[in-house]
Protein backbone atom coordinates (compact mmCIF):
# COMPACT_ATOMS: atom_id res chain seq x y z
CA MET A 1 123.77 297.78 -40.67
CA THR A 2 123.64 299.36 -37.17
CA ASP A 3 123.48 302.89 -36.02
CA ALA A 4 127.17 302.64 -35.11
CA GLN A 5 128.19 301.97 -38.70
CA ASN A 6 128.60 304.58 -41.37
CA PRO A 7 127.35 303.34 -44.77
CA ASN A 8 129.56 305.95 -46.50
CA ASP A 9 132.79 304.87 -44.68
CA MET A 10 135.11 303.13 -47.06
CA THR A 11 138.29 303.46 -45.10
CA ASN A 12 137.58 303.47 -41.40
CA PRO A 13 136.00 300.11 -40.33
CA ALA A 14 134.82 301.48 -37.03
CA GLY A 15 133.12 304.47 -38.42
CA PRO A 16 131.25 307.08 -36.37
CA ILE A 17 128.93 306.25 -33.51
CA ARG A 18 125.25 307.46 -33.49
CA THR A 19 123.68 308.21 -30.19
CA GLY A 20 120.15 309.63 -30.55
CA ASN A 21 120.33 312.71 -32.79
CA VAL A 22 124.10 312.90 -32.73
CA LEU A 23 126.58 311.16 -35.08
CA SER A 24 130.15 311.35 -33.57
CA TRP A 25 133.55 310.70 -35.11
CA ALA A 26 135.23 311.61 -31.74
CA THR A 27 136.81 308.91 -29.49
CA ASP A 28 138.07 311.45 -26.89
CA LEU A 29 134.84 313.00 -25.76
CA ASP A 30 133.51 313.93 -22.28
CA ASP A 31 129.91 313.70 -21.07
CA LYS A 32 129.37 317.60 -20.84
CA THR A 33 130.36 317.96 -24.54
CA MET A 34 127.97 315.17 -25.58
CA GLU A 35 125.15 316.73 -23.45
CA GLN A 36 125.75 320.09 -25.18
CA ALA A 37 125.64 318.49 -28.61
CA HIS A 38 122.35 316.83 -27.80
CA ARG A 39 120.77 320.04 -26.65
CA THR A 40 121.51 321.48 -30.07
CA ALA A 41 120.66 318.38 -32.02
CA ASP A 42 117.25 318.00 -30.38
CA LEU A 43 115.98 321.40 -31.68
CA ALA A 44 113.12 320.88 -34.11
CA PHE A 45 114.77 322.90 -36.99
CA VAL A 46 118.11 321.12 -36.73
CA HIS A 47 118.56 318.44 -39.37
CA LYS A 48 119.22 315.04 -37.86
CA PRO A 49 121.77 313.81 -36.99
CA LEU A 50 124.07 316.56 -35.86
CA ALA A 51 127.66 315.59 -36.83
CA LEU A 52 130.50 315.79 -34.25
CA MET A 53 134.01 315.92 -35.63
CA PRO A 54 136.83 313.93 -33.94
CA ASP A 55 138.23 317.16 -32.30
CA ALA A 56 134.86 318.02 -30.59
CA HIS A 57 134.90 319.65 -27.21
CA LEU A 58 132.77 321.91 -25.04
CA GLY A 59 132.18 325.34 -26.50
CA MET A 60 130.26 328.61 -26.03
CA GLY A 61 126.97 328.58 -27.83
CA ALA A 62 127.48 325.28 -29.53
CA THR A 63 130.00 322.44 -29.35
CA VAL A 64 133.28 323.21 -31.00
CA GLY A 65 133.92 320.62 -33.68
CA SER A 66 130.12 320.28 -34.52
CA VAL A 67 128.33 320.57 -37.87
CA VAL A 68 124.83 321.99 -37.28
CA ALA A 69 122.50 321.92 -40.32
CA THR A 70 119.38 324.06 -39.82
CA GLU A 71 116.26 324.36 -41.98
CA GLY A 72 114.68 327.78 -42.07
CA SER A 73 116.62 329.19 -39.08
CA ILE A 74 120.18 330.05 -37.97
CA ILE A 75 121.73 330.14 -34.51
CA PRO A 76 124.14 333.06 -34.17
CA ALA A 77 125.87 331.75 -31.11
CA ALA A 78 126.56 328.48 -32.96
CA VAL A 79 128.39 330.43 -35.59
CA GLY A 80 130.23 332.08 -32.70
CA VAL A 81 131.95 335.41 -32.10
CA ASP A 82 135.05 334.83 -34.24
CA ILE A 83 133.03 334.65 -37.51
CA GLY A 84 135.09 333.38 -40.42
CA CYS A 85 137.98 332.14 -38.24
CA GLY A 86 140.12 329.78 -40.31
CA MET A 87 143.40 329.01 -41.97
CA VAL A 88 145.53 329.93 -44.94
CA ALA A 89 148.59 327.99 -46.19
CA GLN A 90 151.08 328.74 -48.93
CA LYS A 91 153.93 326.52 -50.18
CA THR A 92 157.21 328.33 -50.95
CA VAL A 93 160.27 327.71 -53.05
CA PHE A 94 162.49 327.44 -50.01
CA THR A 95 163.81 324.31 -48.29
CA ARG A 96 164.45 323.66 -44.63
CA ASP A 97 168.26 323.98 -45.13
CA GLN A 98 167.88 327.42 -46.66
CA VAL A 99 165.82 328.88 -43.80
CA ASP A 100 167.21 327.00 -40.82
CA GLY A 101 169.95 329.53 -40.02
CA HIS A 102 167.53 332.48 -40.25
CA LEU A 103 164.66 331.43 -38.14
CA GLY A 104 165.39 334.02 -35.50
CA ALA A 105 165.43 336.82 -37.99
CA LEU A 106 162.28 335.45 -39.65
CA HIS A 107 160.40 335.27 -36.29
CA ALA A 108 161.47 338.90 -35.46
CA GLY A 109 160.39 340.10 -38.88
CA ILE A 110 157.04 338.44 -38.69
CA ALA A 111 156.46 339.98 -35.18
CA ARG A 112 157.18 343.44 -36.61
CA SER A 113 154.99 343.02 -39.68
CA VAL A 114 151.95 341.23 -38.14
CA PRO A 115 150.51 342.83 -35.00
CA SER A 116 149.27 340.32 -32.49
CA GLY A 117 147.66 340.13 -29.04
CA GLN A 118 144.63 341.92 -27.66
CA PRO A 119 144.07 345.52 -26.47
CA LYS A 120 144.22 345.90 -22.66
CA ARG A 121 144.43 348.53 -19.99
CA GLY A 122 147.28 350.86 -20.76
CA LYS A 123 147.67 349.36 -24.26
CA ARG A 124 144.43 350.19 -26.05
CA HIS A 125 145.98 349.85 -29.51
CA ALA A 126 147.87 346.55 -28.86
CA GLY A 127 147.46 344.14 -31.71
CA SER A 128 146.44 346.79 -34.19
CA HIS A 129 147.97 348.64 -37.08
CA SER A 130 148.42 352.43 -37.12
CA PRO A 131 145.32 354.32 -38.26
CA LYS A 132 147.69 356.31 -40.59
CA ARG A 133 148.48 353.22 -42.60
CA GLU A 134 147.58 353.46 -46.25
CA ARG A 135 144.30 351.70 -47.13
CA SER A 136 144.02 349.21 -50.00
CA LYS A 137 141.10 348.79 -52.34
CA VAL A 138 140.07 345.63 -50.55
CA LEU A 139 140.00 347.44 -47.17
CA ASP A 140 138.05 350.33 -48.71
CA ARG A 141 135.52 347.83 -49.96
CA LEU A 142 135.18 346.18 -46.51
CA VAL A 143 134.73 349.55 -44.84
CA ARG A 144 132.12 350.63 -47.41
CA ASP A 145 130.11 347.47 -47.15
CA ALA A 146 130.26 347.00 -43.37
CA PRO A 147 126.99 346.15 -41.57
CA ASP A 148 125.25 348.52 -39.20
CA VAL A 149 126.26 347.75 -35.64
CA LYS A 150 124.89 349.76 -32.69
CA ASN A 151 128.19 349.88 -30.83
CA ASP A 152 130.53 352.95 -30.98
CA ARG A 153 133.56 350.60 -30.99
CA PHE A 154 132.46 349.24 -34.38
CA SER A 155 133.78 351.88 -36.63
CA PRO A 156 135.60 352.38 -39.96
CA LYS A 157 138.78 353.11 -37.82
CA LYS A 158 138.52 349.76 -36.02
CA ILE A 159 137.80 347.88 -39.30
CA ALA A 160 140.94 349.42 -40.80
CA THR A 161 143.33 349.22 -37.84
CA GLN A 162 142.56 345.52 -37.14
CA PHE A 163 142.79 344.48 -40.80
CA GLY A 164 145.97 342.36 -41.30
CA THR A 165 146.25 341.54 -37.58
CA LEU A 166 146.48 338.14 -35.85
CA GLY A 167 144.70 338.42 -32.55
CA GLY A 168 145.50 336.23 -29.56
CA GLY A 169 144.55 332.84 -28.12
CA ASN A 170 145.26 330.06 -30.52
CA HIS A 171 145.84 332.28 -33.55
CA PHE A 172 149.32 331.84 -35.04
CA VAL A 173 151.77 332.18 -37.99
CA GLU A 174 153.95 329.19 -38.60
CA LEU A 175 156.75 328.12 -40.89
CA THR A 176 156.53 324.37 -41.48
CA VAL A 177 158.21 321.84 -43.72
CA ASP A 178 156.59 319.00 -45.69
CA GLU A 179 157.81 315.59 -46.45
CA ASP A 180 160.13 316.95 -49.25
CA ASP A 181 161.56 319.54 -46.78
CA ARG A 182 159.80 322.38 -48.68
CA VAL A 183 158.83 325.35 -46.43
CA TRP A 184 155.15 326.33 -46.09
CA VAL A 185 153.62 329.35 -44.41
CA VAL A 186 150.54 328.47 -42.34
CA LEU A 187 148.40 331.06 -40.63
CA HIS A 188 145.32 330.96 -38.35
CA SER A 189 143.09 334.01 -37.69
CA GLY A 190 139.53 335.40 -38.15
CA SER A 191 137.41 338.49 -38.30
CA ARG A 192 139.05 340.12 -35.19
CA GLY A 193 137.23 342.85 -33.19
CA PRO A 194 134.83 343.91 -36.00
CA GLY A 195 133.46 340.39 -36.38
CA ASN A 196 133.24 339.89 -32.66
CA LEU A 197 131.26 343.11 -32.15
CA PHE A 198 128.79 342.22 -34.88
CA ALA A 199 128.35 338.71 -33.51
CA GLN A 200 127.80 339.78 -29.99
CA GLU A 201 125.06 342.27 -30.90
CA HIS A 202 123.17 339.70 -32.93
CA ILE A 203 123.59 336.97 -30.39
CA GLY A 204 121.94 339.34 -27.92
CA ARG A 205 119.20 340.20 -30.40
CA ALA A 206 118.42 336.50 -30.94
CA ARG A 207 118.12 335.95 -27.20
CA ASN A 208 115.74 338.91 -26.79
CA GLU A 209 113.65 337.64 -29.71
CA MET A 210 113.31 334.16 -28.16
CA LYS A 211 112.21 335.76 -24.84
CA ARG A 212 109.59 337.68 -26.69
CA VAL A 213 108.05 334.87 -28.80
CA LEU A 214 108.53 331.70 -26.62
CA GLU A 215 106.32 330.82 -23.69
CA GLN A 216 108.91 328.51 -22.21
CA PRO A 217 112.67 329.63 -22.06
CA LEU A 218 115.20 327.64 -24.01
CA ASP A 219 117.33 325.11 -22.08
CA ASP A 220 120.34 327.10 -23.22
CA PRO A 221 119.87 330.83 -24.13
CA ASP A 222 122.76 330.46 -26.66
CA LEU A 223 120.47 328.32 -28.77
CA ALA A 224 118.41 331.41 -29.60
CA HIS A 225 117.79 331.66 -33.38
CA PHE A 226 116.55 333.76 -36.22
CA VAL A 227 113.80 332.57 -38.47
CA GLN A 228 114.41 332.75 -42.24
CA GLY A 229 112.24 335.45 -43.94
CA THR A 230 112.41 337.89 -41.00
CA PRO A 231 114.37 341.17 -41.12
CA GLU A 232 116.45 339.95 -38.20
CA PHE A 233 117.46 336.85 -40.13
CA GLU A 234 118.41 338.89 -43.25
CA ALA A 235 120.40 341.44 -41.25
CA TYR A 236 122.39 338.65 -39.48
CA ILE A 237 123.12 336.76 -42.69
CA ASN A 238 124.29 339.79 -44.51
CA GLY A 239 126.55 340.88 -41.65
CA MET A 240 127.85 337.35 -41.11
CA LEU A 241 128.83 337.03 -44.76
CA TRP A 242 130.63 340.36 -44.51
CA ALA A 243 132.53 339.12 -41.49
CA GLN A 244 133.50 335.91 -43.29
CA ASP A 245 134.82 338.00 -46.13
CA TYR A 246 136.67 340.21 -43.70
CA ALA A 247 138.31 337.18 -42.17
CA LEU A 248 139.40 335.72 -45.50
CA GLU A 249 140.91 338.96 -46.63
CA ASN A 250 142.51 339.52 -43.25
CA ARG A 251 144.38 336.24 -43.63
CA ALA A 252 145.39 337.08 -47.20
CA GLU A 253 146.76 340.45 -46.01
CA MET A 254 148.83 338.84 -43.30
CA MET A 255 150.06 336.10 -45.67
CA ALA A 256 151.30 338.78 -48.04
CA ALA A 257 153.11 340.49 -45.11
CA VAL A 258 154.78 337.13 -44.02
CA LEU A 259 155.85 336.43 -47.64
CA GLN A 260 157.49 339.85 -47.76
CA VAL A 261 159.39 339.11 -44.61
CA LEU A 262 160.53 335.86 -46.12
CA THR A 263 161.61 337.51 -49.30
CA HIS A 264 163.48 340.23 -47.38
CA VAL A 265 165.33 337.87 -44.92
CA MET A 266 166.20 335.33 -47.56
CA GLY A 267 167.31 338.17 -49.95
CA ARG A 268 169.77 339.48 -47.33
CA ALA A 269 170.99 335.94 -46.88
CA GLY A 270 171.68 335.72 -50.57
CA VAL A 271 169.12 332.96 -51.26
CA VAL A 272 166.87 335.29 -53.29
CA ALA A 273 168.80 337.21 -55.95
CA ASP A 274 166.84 340.39 -56.41
CA VAL A 275 164.76 341.58 -53.49
CA ALA A 276 163.97 344.97 -54.97
CA SER A 277 161.92 343.46 -57.85
CA GLY A 278 159.85 341.32 -55.49
CA PRO A 279 160.61 337.77 -56.68
CA ASP A 280 157.80 335.21 -56.55
CA ILE A 281 158.75 332.89 -53.71
CA THR A 282 155.39 330.94 -53.79
CA ASP A 283 154.92 327.46 -55.29
CA GLY A 284 151.33 326.66 -56.19
CA ALA A 285 148.01 328.10 -55.19
CA GLN A 286 147.13 329.45 -51.74
CA ILE A 287 144.83 327.30 -49.68
CA GLN A 288 142.13 329.13 -47.67
CA CYS A 289 139.43 327.57 -45.44
CA HIS A 290 137.07 328.92 -42.87
CA HIS A 291 136.26 326.73 -39.82
CA ASN A 292 133.87 329.00 -37.90
CA TYR A 293 131.12 329.96 -40.35
CA ALA A 294 127.77 329.18 -41.92
CA ASN A 295 126.90 328.60 -45.59
CA CYS A 296 123.74 327.77 -47.44
CA GLU A 297 124.11 324.33 -48.96
CA GLN A 298 122.05 321.38 -50.21
CA HIS A 299 122.29 318.15 -48.34
CA HIS A 300 120.10 315.07 -48.72
CA GLY A 301 118.07 317.02 -51.28
CA VAL A 302 117.26 319.82 -48.81
CA ASP A 303 118.51 323.45 -48.85
CA MET A 304 119.81 324.29 -45.39
CA TRP A 305 122.20 326.58 -43.52
CA VAL A 306 125.22 324.52 -42.55
CA THR A 307 127.03 325.94 -39.47
CA ARG A 308 130.55 324.59 -39.15
CA LYS A 309 131.59 325.42 -35.58
CA GLY A 310 135.19 324.37 -35.61
CA ALA A 311 134.82 322.26 -38.83
CA ILE A 312 135.97 322.67 -42.41
CA ASP A 313 134.34 322.10 -45.74
CA ALA A 314 135.63 318.64 -46.89
CA SER A 315 133.65 318.37 -50.10
CA GLU A 316 135.13 315.86 -52.59
CA GLY A 317 138.52 317.12 -53.70
CA LYS A 318 138.45 320.41 -51.78
CA TRP A 319 141.71 321.20 -50.10
CA GLY A 320 141.86 322.24 -46.50
CA ILE A 321 144.19 322.74 -43.49
CA ILE A 322 143.96 320.96 -40.24
CA PRO A 323 146.46 322.18 -37.53
CA GLY A 324 147.56 320.37 -34.44
CA SER A 325 149.09 322.45 -31.64
CA MET A 326 152.11 324.92 -31.52
CA ALA A 327 154.61 322.01 -31.53
CA THR A 328 152.82 319.30 -33.54
CA GLY A 329 152.47 320.83 -37.05
CA SER A 330 149.55 320.68 -39.43
CA PHE A 331 148.01 318.64 -42.25
CA ILE A 332 147.11 319.63 -45.73
CA VAL A 333 144.13 317.58 -46.70
CA SER A 334 141.58 317.01 -49.47
CA GLY A 335 138.00 316.18 -48.81
CA ARG A 336 136.15 312.92 -49.41
CA GLY A 337 132.73 314.55 -49.48
CA ASN A 338 131.21 312.25 -46.90
CA PRO A 339 127.48 313.06 -46.82
CA ALA A 340 126.95 311.69 -43.35
CA ALA A 341 129.23 314.49 -42.05
CA TYR A 342 127.64 317.13 -44.28
CA ARG A 343 130.85 317.03 -46.27
CA SER A 344 132.89 318.27 -43.31
CA ALA A 345 136.00 317.39 -41.29
CA SER A 346 137.75 318.58 -38.11
CA HIS A 347 139.28 322.10 -37.79
CA GLY A 348 142.21 320.98 -35.72
CA ALA A 349 143.22 318.79 -32.76
CA GLY A 350 140.63 320.36 -30.38
CA ARG A 351 141.21 321.24 -26.76
CA ARG A 352 141.64 318.56 -24.17
CA LEU A 353 142.01 320.98 -21.26
CA SER A 354 140.39 324.38 -20.80
CA ARG A 355 142.72 327.34 -20.59
CA THR A 356 142.22 327.52 -16.86
CA ALA A 357 142.90 323.81 -16.40
CA ALA A 358 145.98 324.02 -18.60
CA ARG A 359 147.50 326.75 -16.44
CA LYS A 360 146.79 324.72 -13.34
CA GLN A 361 147.90 321.31 -14.56
CA LEU A 362 150.79 322.01 -17.01
CA SER A 363 154.26 323.47 -16.29
CA GLU A 364 156.28 326.23 -18.03
CA ALA A 365 159.26 323.96 -18.06
CA SER A 366 157.43 321.23 -19.96
CA LEU A 367 156.27 323.83 -22.55
CA VAL A 368 159.86 324.94 -23.10
CA ALA A 369 160.89 321.28 -23.58
CA ALA A 370 158.03 320.69 -26.06
CA MET A 371 159.14 323.72 -28.13
CA ASP A 372 162.73 322.55 -28.28
CA GLY A 373 164.08 323.07 -31.83
CA ILE A 374 161.26 325.45 -32.86
CA ALA A 375 161.75 329.22 -33.16
CA TRP A 376 158.91 330.75 -31.00
CA ASN A 377 157.93 333.66 -28.77
CA GLU A 378 159.82 332.07 -25.84
CA ASP A 379 157.14 333.26 -23.50
CA ALA A 380 156.28 330.15 -21.56
CA ARG A 381 154.26 331.96 -18.85
CA GLY A 382 152.12 333.89 -21.40
CA LEU A 383 151.53 330.89 -23.64
CA LEU A 384 151.10 328.15 -20.98
CA ASP A 385 147.40 327.69 -21.90
CA GLU A 386 148.49 326.91 -25.49
CA HIS A 387 150.74 324.08 -24.25
CA PRO A 388 150.65 321.13 -26.74
CA ASP A 389 149.36 318.89 -23.94
CA ALA A 390 146.29 321.07 -23.63
CA TYR A 391 145.24 319.72 -27.00
CA LYS A 392 143.98 316.33 -28.14
CA ASP A 393 146.32 313.93 -29.96
CA ILE A 394 146.30 315.15 -33.58
CA GLY A 395 147.31 311.72 -34.77
CA GLU A 396 144.24 310.11 -33.19
CA VAL A 397 142.08 312.94 -34.55
CA MET A 398 143.35 312.21 -38.10
CA ASP A 399 142.94 308.44 -37.72
CA ASN A 400 139.31 309.00 -36.75
CA GLN A 401 138.52 310.93 -39.89
CA GLN A 402 140.00 308.70 -42.61
CA ASP A 403 136.51 308.58 -44.13
CA LEU A 404 136.31 312.38 -44.20
CA VAL A 405 139.63 313.56 -45.63
CA ARG A 406 142.80 312.34 -47.51
CA ILE A 407 146.10 313.53 -46.10
CA GLU A 408 148.04 315.39 -48.84
CA HIS A 409 150.91 316.73 -46.79
CA ARG A 410 152.14 316.34 -43.27
CA LEU A 411 153.76 319.61 -42.08
CA GLU A 412 156.36 319.79 -39.31
CA THR A 413 156.62 323.14 -37.40
CA ILE A 414 160.03 324.92 -37.39
CA LEU A 415 158.77 328.38 -36.42
CA ASN A 416 155.68 329.49 -34.44
CA TYR A 417 154.60 333.04 -33.79
CA LYS A 418 151.62 333.50 -31.53
CA GLY A 419 149.52 336.38 -30.24
CA ALA A 420 150.30 336.34 -26.49
């Protein structure tokens, strides 16, 4: 058996490739991404080898699509600023034929019910709910348990107004159909402004702590870490877990809003008999998965903090969601529990082009063509950096992780709503 062969691979003959302290499932990988992964993997407290998922690409702090297992320490910048970012999916009772004539109304309804985008000059409250909105018990709990952040923008008001909101970038709500033409709702978002503010503060604290205790500076300041057992470590872990909870409940809140839109629109169309009583339009359990987070787990007989930076938990039998791009649909998967990957899999297709490169190299006309047949924002200029060609081939990504997940459903996109 050679380093290039995975002893746990029962389906993919090629298997991942090991180079030094990095084990990679990616076949579309540039030199800068691999160099970044090695800088992280070579740290003394990082368990070897670091696992690179097939969607891996250059990131801030740590490689997106990497699984970083650490003993006695955690790297806040590796977890990232969108703590708890992830996916939720729900199968519904509807079929493609039933919704096809109503996609415009559904897209408009989702846009009204789920705020998206980011605050900007002249629009400070863009992408947020009204502060006068009635608060739920879940939101009251999140406000009550919030961590202490030394930033005036981190406030109960911000926690409340951004709860149930999508954000921008690659966050989205989609209607998709499976191989039986059954409609699914798929949604991607995270911990929004509150999670970001908490993360930024603690990334800065970690950098300052490393400057204080290290004689030689780190090769990358974003590899600064907190040591387990210190007050700084405990404060970060507690706040990080809160942000992950906020992200999960944020997605659940938006999913409920989208299902209400579906119920209302399909009720007016006569597909659902009694809208007033709130008929159950779901079929089966909701699937939730983080893909930017850290969790304390045991691997190879050792307790460690596993940071999945753009990766999902693919433990044996665990269901997850792997999206492609805004035109290429998503996959519902179940994990194979591959120990070589720390029981993980990719979080999506992964970017092939940076946002700047996408805007320079791709055209608005080609984005419009790619979205043909899909109800969407129809904002080619605003969404050009989310062009499907800015992402890796999701088919290749899935082929490269046959030893990590089983495909349960292939979902085709029929509606995409994005935060501009």
